[in-house]
Amino acid sequence: MTTVTLQQVYEDLQEIKVEIKKLTAIVEEDFELAEGVKRELVHARKEKLSEYIDHKEVLKEFLV
């Protein structure tokens, strides 16, 4: 079993803090959807749920 020192734990935590700050900055950015994506979203929202394929049917097709 490998011995872990407090110094190693501290360094790992510092690295994790840096990564969390990077991720937080990415999440907080104000992204704008491209026009093509907006059109696709509008189209998708107009589709009837009855037109969707049941999840079980998809699984049958791919797990056979």
PDB file of N, CA and C in Angstrom:
ATOM      1  N   MET A   1       0.840  -1.170   0.000  1.00  0.00           N
ATOM      2  CA  MET A   1       0.000   0.000   0.000  1.00  0.00           C
ATOM      3  C   MET A   1       0.891   1.241   0.000  1.00  0.00           C
ATOM      4  N   THR A   2       0.541   2.213  -0.817  1.00  0.00           N
ATOM      5  CA  THR A   2       1.318   3.436  -0.927  1.00  0.00           C
ATOM      6  C   THR A   2       0.955   4.393   0.200  1.00  0.00           C
ATOM      7  N   THR A   3       1.983   5.005   0.763  1.00  0.00           N
ATOM      8  CA  THR A   3       1.773   5.981   1.818  1.00  0.00           C
ATOM      9  C   THR A   3       1.499   7.342   1.191  1.00  0.00           C
ATOM     10  N   VAL A   4       0.484   8.015   1.697  1.00  0.00           N
ATOM     11  CA  VAL A   4       0.130   9.334   1.203  1.00  0.00           C
ATOM     12  C   VAL A   4       0.445  10.347   2.292  1.00  0.00           C
ATOM     13  N   THR A   5       1.173  11.376   1.906  1.00  0.00           N
ATOM     14  CA  THR A   5       1.524  12.403   2.889  1.00  0.00           C
ATOM     15  C   THR A   5       0.529  13.548   2.823  1.00  0.00           C
ATOM     16  N   LEU A   6       0.505  14.333   3.868  1.00  0.00           N
ATOM     17  CA  LEU A   6      -0.360  15.514   3.881  1.00  0.00           C
ATOM     18  C   LEU A   6       0.045  16.483   2.774  1.00  0.00           C
ATOM     19  N   GLN A   7       1.309  16.545   2.482  1.00  0.00           N
ATOM     20  CA  GLN A   7       1.787  17.425   1.407  1.00  0.00           C
ATOM     21  C   GLN A   7       1.195  17.004   0.065  1.00  0.00           C
ATOM     22  N   GLN A   8       1.149  15.702  -0.204  1.00  0.00           N
ATOM     23  CA  GLN A   8       0.571  15.199  -1.458  1.00  0.00           C
ATOM     24  C   GLN A   8      -0.918  15.512  -1.525  1.00  0.00           C
ATOM     25  N   VAL A   9      -1.607  15.328  -0.406  1.00  0.00           N
ATOM     26  CA  VAL A   9      -3.036  15.623  -0.365  1.00  0.00           C
ATOM     27  C   VAL A   9      -3.265  17.113  -0.612  1.00  0.00           C
ATOM     28  N   TYR A  10      -2.444  17.936   0.018  1.00  0.00           N
ATOM     29  CA  TYR A  10      -2.553  19.382  -0.156  1.00  0.00           C
ATOM     30  C   TYR A  10      -2.344  19.766  -1.630  1.00  0.00           C
ATOM     31  N   GLU A  11      -1.317  19.218  -2.266  1.00  0.00           N
ATOM     32  CA  GLU A  11      -1.029  19.531  -3.666  1.00  0.00           C
ATOM     33  C   GLU A  11      -2.163  19.070  -4.579  1.00  0.00           C
ATOM     34  N   ASP A  12      -2.699  17.907  -4.301  1.00  0.00           N
ATOM     35  CA  ASP A  12      -3.837  17.414  -5.083  1.00  0.00           C
ATOM     36  C   ASP A  12      -5.036  18.343  -4.935  1.00  0.00           C
ATOM     37  N   LEU A  13      -5.304  18.785  -3.727  1.00  0.00           N
ATOM     38  CA  LEU A  13      -6.419  19.695  -3.492  1.00  0.00           C
ATOM     39  C   LEU A  13      -6.217  21.024  -4.215  1.00  0.00           C
ATOM     40  N   GLN A  14      -4.992  21.513  -4.247  1.00  0.00           N
ATOM     41  CA  GLN A  14      -4.707  22.758  -4.953  1.00  0.00           C
ATOM     42  C   GLN A  14      -4.981  22.602  -6.454  1.00  0.00           C
ATOM     43  N   GLU A  15      -4.593  21.464  -7.012  1.00  0.00           N
ATOM     44  CA  GLU A  15      -4.857  21.194  -8.426  1.00  0.00           C
ATOM     45  C   GLU A  15      -6.357  21.110  -8.692  1.00  0.00           C
ATOM     46  N   ILE A  16      -7.083  20.483  -7.791  1.00  0.00           N
ATOM     47  CA  ILE A  16      -8.540  20.366  -7.931  1.00  0.00           C
ATOM     48  C   ILE A  16      -9.173  21.752  -7.883  1.00  0.00           C
ATOM     49  N   LYS A  17      -8.704  22.601  -6.992  1.00  0.00           N
ATOM     50  CA  LYS A  17      -9.243  23.960  -6.893  1.00  0.00           C
ATOM     51  C   LYS A  17      -9.047  24.728  -8.195  1.00  0.00           C
ATOM     52  N   VAL A  18      -7.879  24.572  -8.819  1.00  0.00           N
ATOM     53  CA  VAL A  18      -7.616  25.247 -10.092  1.00  0.00           C
ATOM     54  C   VAL A  18      -8.584  24.756 -11.155  1.00  0.00           C
ATOM     55  N   GLU A  19      -8.794  23.451 -11.219  1.00  0.00           N
ATOM     56  CA  GLU A  19      -9.709  22.877 -12.209  1.00  0.00           C
ATOM     57  C   GLU A  19     -11.142  23.339 -11.976  1.00  0.00           C
ATOM     58  N   ILE A  20     -11.540  23.413 -10.728  1.00  0.00           N
ATOM     59  CA  ILE A  20     -12.903  23.872 -10.406  1.00  0.00           C
ATOM     60  C   ILE A  20     -13.080  25.326 -10.821  1.00  0.00           C
ATOM     61  N   LYS A  21     -12.066  26.140 -10.624  1.00  0.00           N
ATOM     62  CA  LYS A  21     -12.149  27.548 -11.049  1.00  0.00           C
ATOM     63  C   LYS A  21     -12.300  27.642 -12.563  1.00  0.00           C
ATOM     64  N   LYS A  22     -11.565  26.810 -13.301  1.00  0.00           N
ATOM     65  CA  LYS A  22     -11.682  26.803 -14.756  1.00  0.00           C
ATOM     66  C   LYS A  22     -13.081  26.391 -15.185  1.00  0.00           C
ATOM     67  N   LEU A  23     -13.593  25.326 -14.578  1.00  0.00           N
ATOM     68  CA  LEU A  23     -14.935  24.842 -14.922  1.00  0.00           C
ATOM     69  C   LEU A  23     -16.000  25.869 -14.571  1.00  0.00           C
ATOM     70  N   THR A  24     -15.833  26.524 -13.443  1.00  0.00           N
ATOM     71  CA  THR A  24     -16.790  27.555 -13.029  1.00  0.00           C
ATOM     72  C   THR A  24     -16.807  28.689 -14.044  1.00  0.00           C
ATOM     73  N   ALA A  25     -15.646  29.101 -14.510  1.00  0.00           N
ATOM     74  CA  ALA A  25     -15.570  30.171 -15.502  1.00  0.00           C
ATOM     75  C   ALA A  25     -16.275  29.764 -16.794  1.00  0.00           C
ATOM     76  N   ILE A  26     -16.110  28.518 -17.197  1.00  0.00           N
ATOM     77  CA  ILE A  26     -16.763  28.040 -18.417  1.00  0.00           C
ATOM     78  C   ILE A  26     -18.281  28.040 -18.251  1.00  0.00           C
ATOM     79  N   VAL A  27     -18.749  27.545 -17.123  1.00  0.00           N
ATOM     80  CA  VAL A  27     -20.191  27.448 -16.880  1.00  0.00           C
ATOM     81  C   VAL A  27     -20.823  28.832 -16.779  1.00  0.00           C
ATOM     82  N   GLU A  28     -20.108  29.785 -16.240  1.00  0.00           N
ATOM     83  CA  GLU A  28     -20.664  31.121 -16.042  1.00  0.00           C
ATOM     84  C   GLU A  28     -20.660  31.972 -17.302  1.00  0.00           C
ATOM     85  N   GLU A  29     -19.971  31.513 -18.368  1.00  0.00           N
ATOM     86  CA  GLU A  29     -19.944  32.278 -19.608  1.00  0.00           C
ATOM     87  C   GLU A  29     -21.342  32.356 -20.205  1.00  0.00           C
ATOM     88  N   ASP A  30     -21.604  33.466 -20.852  1.00  0.00           N
ATOM     89  CA  ASP A  30     -22.901  33.683 -21.477  1.00  0.00           C
ATOM     90  C   ASP A  30     -22.813  33.254 -22.937  1.00  0.00           C
ATOM     91  N   PHE A  31     -23.233  32.020 -23.216  1.00  0.00           N
ATOM     92  CA  PHE A  31     -23.148  31.481 -24.559  1.00  0.00           C
ATOM     93  C   PHE A  31     -24.376  31.867 -25.364  1.00  0.00           C
ATOM     94  N   GLU A  32     -24.190  32.047 -26.650  1.00  0.00           N
ATOM     95  CA  GLU A  32     -25.283  32.334 -27.565  1.00  0.00           C
ATOM     96  C   GLU A  32     -25.380  31.172 -28.550  1.00  0.00           C
ATOM     97  N   LEU A  33     -26.580  30.662 -28.734  1.00  0.00           N
ATOM     98  CA  LEU A  33     -26.778  29.573 -29.685  1.00  0.00           C
ATOM     99  C   LEU A  33     -26.661  30.092 -31.111  1.00  0.00           C
ATOM    100  N   ALA A  34     -26.087  29.269 -31.975  1.00  0.00           N
ATOM    101  CA  ALA A  34     -25.996  29.612 -33.391  1.00  0.00           C
ATOM    102  C   ALA A  34     -27.398  29.624 -33.991  1.00  0.00           C
ATOM    103  N   GLU A  35     -27.572  30.389 -35.059  1.00  0.00           N
ATOM    104  CA  GLU A  35     -28.895  30.523 -35.680  1.00  0.00           C
ATOM    105  C   GLU A  35     -29.430  29.179 -36.151  1.00  0.00           C
ATOM    106  N   GLY A  36     -28.576  28.335 -36.694  1.00  0.00           N
ATOM    107  CA  GLY A  36     -29.014  27.010 -37.138  1.00  0.00           C
ATOM    108  C   GLY A  36     -29.534  26.166 -35.992  1.00  0.00           C
ATOM    109  N   VAL A  37     -28.878  26.259 -34.861  1.00  0.00           N
ATOM    110  CA  VAL A  37     -29.306  25.507 -33.678  1.00  0.00           C
ATOM    111  C   VAL A  37     -30.646  26.038 -33.183  1.00  0.00           C
ATOM    112  N   LYS A  38     -30.817  27.348 -33.222  1.00  0.00           N
ATOM    113  CA  LYS A  38     -32.093  27.945 -32.795  1.00  0.00           C
ATOM    114  C   LYS A  38     -33.233  27.460 -33.683  1.00  0.00           C
ATOM    115  N   ARG A  39     -32.984  27.389 -35.009  1.00  0.00           N
ATOM    116  CA  ARG A  39     -34.027  26.908 -35.931  1.00  0.00           C
ATOM    117  C   ARG A  39     -34.369  25.450 -35.655  1.00  0.00           C
ATOM    118  N   GLU A  40     -33.345  24.637 -35.418  1.00  0.00           N
ATOM    119  CA  GLU A  40     -33.589  23.230 -35.111  1.00  0.00           C
ATOM    120  C   GLU A  40     -34.384  23.077 -33.822  1.00  0.00           C
ATOM    121  N   LEU A  41     -34.100  23.910 -32.841  1.00  0.00           N
ATOM    122  CA  LEU A  41     -34.809  23.860 -31.566  1.00  0.00           C
ATOM    123  C   LEU A  41     -36.276  24.226 -31.746  1.00  0.00           C
ATOM    124  N   VAL A  42     -36.540  25.265 -32.534  1.00  0.00           N
ATOM    125  CA  VAL A  42     -37.924  25.655 -32.815  1.00  0.00           C
ATOM    126  C   VAL A  42     -38.651  24.513 -33.510  1.00  0.00           C
ATOM    127  N   HIS A  43     -37.995  23.908 -34.489  1.00  0.00           N
ATOM    128  CA  HIS A  43     -38.596  22.789 -35.222  1.00  0.00           C
ATOM    129  C   HIS A  43     -38.874  21.611 -34.279  1.00  0.00           C
ATOM    130  N   ALA A  44     -37.914  21.276 -33.433  1.00  0.00           N
ATOM    131  CA  ALA A  44     -38.072  20.146 -32.513  1.00  0.00           C
ATOM    132  C   ALA A  44     -39.221  20.376 -31.539  1.00  0.00           C
ATOM    133  N   ARG A  45     -39.381  21.605 -31.113  1.00  0.00           N
ATOM    134  CA  ARG A  45     -40.466  21.904 -30.158  1.00  0.00           C
ATOM    135  C   ARG A  45     -41.833  21.800 -30.798  1.00  0.00           C
ATOM    136  N   LYS A  46     -41.904  21.909 -32.114  1.00  0.00           N
ATOM    137  CA  LYS A  46     -43.189  21.800 -32.820  1.00  0.00           C
ATOM    138  C   LYS A  46     -43.576  20.348 -33.089  1.00  0.00           C
ATOM    139  N   GLU A  47     -42.624  19.424 -32.985  1.00  0.00           N
ATOM    140  CA  GLU A  47     -42.919  18.022 -33.240  1.00  0.00           C
ATOM    141  C   GLU A  47     -43.857  17.460 -32.181  1.00  0.00           C
ATOM    142  N   LYS A  48     -44.748  16.605 -32.626  1.00  0.00           N
ATOM    143  CA  LYS A  48     -45.664  15.950 -31.694  1.00  0.00           C
ATOM    144  C   LYS A  48     -44.933  14.805 -31.012  1.00  0.00           C
ATOM    145  N   LEU A  49     -45.212  14.609 -29.749  1.00  0.00           N
ATOM    146  CA  LEU A  49     -44.585  13.518 -29.014  1.00  0.00           C
ATOM    147  C   LEU A  49     -44.962  12.166 -29.596  1.00  0.00           C
ATOM    148  N   SER A  50     -46.111  12.096 -30.213  1.00  0.00           N
ATOM    149  CA  SER A  50     -46.546  10.831 -30.805  1.00  0.00           C
ATOM    150  C   SER A  50     -45.660  10.420 -31.979  1.00  0.00           C
ATOM    151  N   GLU A  51     -44.914  11.360 -32.556  1.00  0.00           N
ATOM    152  CA  GLU A  51     -44.021  11.053 -33.663  1.00  0.00           C
ATOM    153  C   GLU A  51     -42.694  10.476 -33.180  1.00  0.00           C
ATOM    154  N   TYR A  52     -42.436  10.578 -31.910  1.00  0.00           N
ATOM    155  CA  TYR A  52     -41.178  10.075 -31.368  1.00  0.00           C
ATOM    156  C   TYR A  52     -41.177   8.549 -31.335  1.00  0.00           C
ATOM    157  N   ILE A  53     -40.001   7.970 -31.427  1.00  0.00           N
ATOM    158  CA  ILE A  53     -39.852   6.517 -31.345  1.00  0.00           C
ATOM    159  C   ILE A  53     -39.672   6.140 -29.881  1.00  0.00           C
ATOM    160  N   ASP A  54     -40.398   5.142 -29.451  1.00  0.00           N
ATOM    161  CA  ASP A  54     -40.325   4.687 -28.072  1.00  0.00           C
ATOM    162  C   ASP A  54     -38.926   4.156 -27.758  1.00  0.00           C
ATOM    163  N   HIS A  55     -38.440   4.463 -26.592  1.00  0.00           N
ATOM    164  CA  HIS A  55     -37.102   4.049 -26.169  1.00  0.00           C
ATOM    165  C   HIS A  55     -36.941   2.531 -26.230  1.00  0.00           C
ATOM    166  N   LYS A  56     -37.963   1.811 -25.863  1.00  0.00           N
ATOM    167  CA  LYS A  56     -37.909   0.343 -25.894  1.00  0.00           C
ATOM    168  C   LYS A  56     -37.719  -0.170 -27.318  1.00  0.00           C
ATOM    169  N   GLU A  57     -38.337   0.497 -28.283  1.00  0.00           N
ATOM    170  CA  GLU A  57     -38.200   0.095 -29.678  1.00  0.00           C
ATOM    171  C   GLU A  57     -36.770   0.327 -30.168  1.00  0.00           C
ATOM    172  N   VAL A  58     -36.184   1.416 -29.744  1.00  0.00           N
ATOM    173  CA  VAL A  58     -34.798   1.701 -30.119  1.00  0.00           C
ATOM    174  C   VAL A  58     -33.873   0.647 -29.534  1.00  0.00           C
ATOM    175  N   LEU A  59     -34.096   0.296 -28.286  1.00  0.00           N
ATOM    176  CA  LEU A  59     -33.266  -0.724 -27.655  1.00  0.00           C
ATOM    177  C   LEU A  59     -33.401  -2.072 -28.372  1.00  0.00           C
ATOM    178  N   LYS A  60     -34.603  -2.424 -28.762  1.00  0.00           N
ATOM    179  CA  LYS A  60     -34.817  -3.672 -29.484  1.00  0.00           C
ATOM    180  C   LYS A  60     -33.987  -3.700 -30.762  1.00  0.00           C
ATOM    181  N   GLU A  61     -33.956  -2.576 -31.454  1.00  0.00           N
ATOM    182  CA  GLU A  61     -33.241  -2.501 -32.740  1.00  0.00           C
ATOM    183  C   GLU A  61     -31.740  -2.659 -32.560  1.00  0.00           C
ATOM    184  N   PHE A  62     -31.192  -2.069 -31.523  1.00  0.00           N
ATOM    185  CA  PHE A  62     -29.758  -2.068 -31.352  1.00  0.00           C
ATOM    186  C   PHE A  62     -29.217  -3.190 -30.494  1.00  0.00           C
ATOM    187  N   LEU A  63     -30.065  -3.841 -29.737  1.00  0.00           N
ATOM    188  CA  LEU A  63     -29.592  -4.901 -28.841  1.00  0.00           C
ATOM    189  C   LEU A  63     -29.892  -6.293 -29.379  1.00  0.00           C
ATOM    190  N   VAL A  64     -30.388  -6.367 -30.583  1.00  0.00           N
ATOM    191  CA  VAL A  64     -30.714  -7.676 -31.169  1.00  0.00           C
ATOM    192  C   VAL A  64     -29.455  -8.382 -31.601  1.00  0.00           C
TER     193      VAL A  64
END
